[in-house]
């Protein structure tokens, strides 16, 4: 599993999305199909 790098703006939007959806953890797994 690799760490995703993102800008500060993207990180703030990500945290806001988690808060709006009542998600307590800021660690998620993203599965991408068809990559690689």
N, C-alpha and C. Protein backbone atom coordinates (compact mmCIF):
# COMPACT_ATOMS: atom_id res chain seq x y z
N UNK A 1 0.85 -1.17 0.00
CA UNK A 1 0.00 0.00 0.00
C UNK A 1 0.90 1.23 0.00
N UNK A 2 0.55 2.22 -0.79
CA UNK A 2 1.36 3.43 -0.91
C UNK A 2 0.62 4.62 -0.29
N UNK A 3 1.41 5.56 0.16
CA UNK A 3 0.86 6.80 0.71
C UNK A 3 0.56 7.74 -0.45
N UNK A 4 -0.56 8.43 -0.37
CA UNK A 4 -0.96 9.38 -1.41
C UNK A 4 -0.48 10.77 -1.02
N UNK A 5 0.15 11.46 -1.95
CA UNK A 5 0.55 12.84 -1.70
C UNK A 5 -0.52 13.76 -2.28
N UNK A 6 -0.89 14.79 -1.52
CA UNK A 6 -1.89 15.75 -1.99
C UNK A 6 -1.55 17.13 -1.48
N UNK A 7 -2.09 18.13 -2.15
CA UNK A 7 -1.84 19.51 -1.76
C UNK A 7 -2.57 19.83 -0.46
N UNK A 8 -2.21 20.95 0.15
CA UNK A 8 -2.86 21.38 1.39
C UNK A 8 -4.35 21.63 1.16
N UNK A 9 -4.70 22.21 0.03
CA UNK A 9 -6.11 22.49 -0.29
C UNK A 9 -6.88 21.18 -0.42
N UNK A 10 -6.31 20.21 -1.11
CA UNK A 10 -6.96 18.91 -1.27
C UNK A 10 -7.12 18.22 0.09
N UNK A 11 -6.11 18.33 0.94
CA UNK A 11 -6.18 17.72 2.27
C UNK A 11 -7.29 18.35 3.10
N UNK A 12 -7.39 19.67 3.06
CA UNK A 12 -8.45 20.36 3.80
C UNK A 12 -9.83 19.94 3.30
N UNK A 13 -9.98 19.81 1.98
CA UNK A 13 -11.26 19.35 1.42
C UNK A 13 -11.56 17.92 1.84
N UNK A 14 -10.53 17.08 1.88
CA UNK A 14 -10.69 15.69 2.29
C UNK A 14 -11.17 15.61 3.74
N UNK A 15 -10.52 16.36 4.62
CA UNK A 15 -10.91 16.36 6.03
C UNK A 15 -12.34 16.89 6.19
N UNK A 16 -12.68 17.92 5.45
CA UNK A 16 -14.04 18.47 5.49
C UNK A 16 -15.06 17.43 5.05
N UNK A 17 -14.75 16.68 3.99
CA UNK A 17 -15.64 15.62 3.51
C UNK A 17 -15.85 14.57 4.59
N UNK A 18 -14.77 14.16 5.27
CA UNK A 18 -14.89 13.17 6.33
C UNK A 18 -15.75 13.69 7.48
N UNK A 19 -15.55 14.94 7.87
CA UNK A 19 -16.33 15.53 8.97
C UNK A 19 -17.80 15.62 8.60
N UNK A 20 -18.10 16.03 7.37
CA UNK A 20 -19.50 16.16 6.93
C UNK A 20 -20.22 14.82 6.91
N UNK A 21 -19.49 13.74 6.74
CA UNK A 21 -20.08 12.41 6.68
C UNK A 21 -19.89 11.62 7.97
N UNK A 22 -19.50 12.32 9.04
CA UNK A 22 -19.34 11.72 10.38
C UNK A 22 -18.40 10.52 10.37
N UNK A 23 -17.29 10.64 9.67
CA UNK A 23 -16.28 9.59 9.64
C UNK A 23 -15.17 9.99 10.60
N UNK A 24 -14.95 9.14 11.62
CA UNK A 24 -14.02 9.48 12.70
C UNK A 24 -12.55 9.36 12.32
N UNK A 25 -12.23 8.47 11.41
CA UNK A 25 -10.83 8.22 11.05
C UNK A 25 -10.48 8.97 9.77
N UNK A 26 -9.24 9.47 9.69
CA UNK A 26 -8.81 10.12 8.45
C UNK A 26 -7.93 9.18 7.63
N UNK A 27 -8.02 7.88 7.93
CA UNK A 27 -7.30 6.87 7.17
C UNK A 27 -8.33 6.06 6.39
N UNK A 28 -8.20 6.07 5.07
CA UNK A 28 -9.12 5.31 4.23
C UNK A 28 -8.32 4.49 3.22
N UNK A 29 -8.97 3.51 2.63
CA UNK A 29 -8.37 2.72 1.55
C UNK A 29 -9.14 3.03 0.28
N UNK A 30 -8.40 3.26 -0.77
CA UNK A 30 -8.99 3.54 -2.07
C UNK A 30 -8.55 2.43 -3.02
N UNK A 31 -9.50 1.73 -3.60
CA UNK A 31 -9.20 0.66 -4.54
C UNK A 31 -9.43 1.18 -5.95
N UNK A 32 -8.39 1.14 -6.77
CA UNK A 32 -8.49 1.59 -8.16
C UNK A 32 -8.44 0.36 -9.06
N UNK A 33 -9.48 0.18 -9.86
CA UNK A 33 -9.50 -0.94 -10.80
C UNK A 33 -8.94 -0.48 -12.14
N UNK A 34 -8.18 -1.33 -12.77
CA UNK A 34 -7.66 -1.04 -14.09
C UNK A 34 -6.44 -0.16 -14.12
N UNK A 35 -5.79 0.04 -12.99
CA UNK A 35 -4.58 0.86 -12.95
C UNK A 35 -3.36 -0.06 -12.99
N UNK A 36 -2.45 0.22 -13.91
CA UNK A 36 -1.20 -0.53 -13.94
C UNK A 36 -1.25 -1.65 -14.83
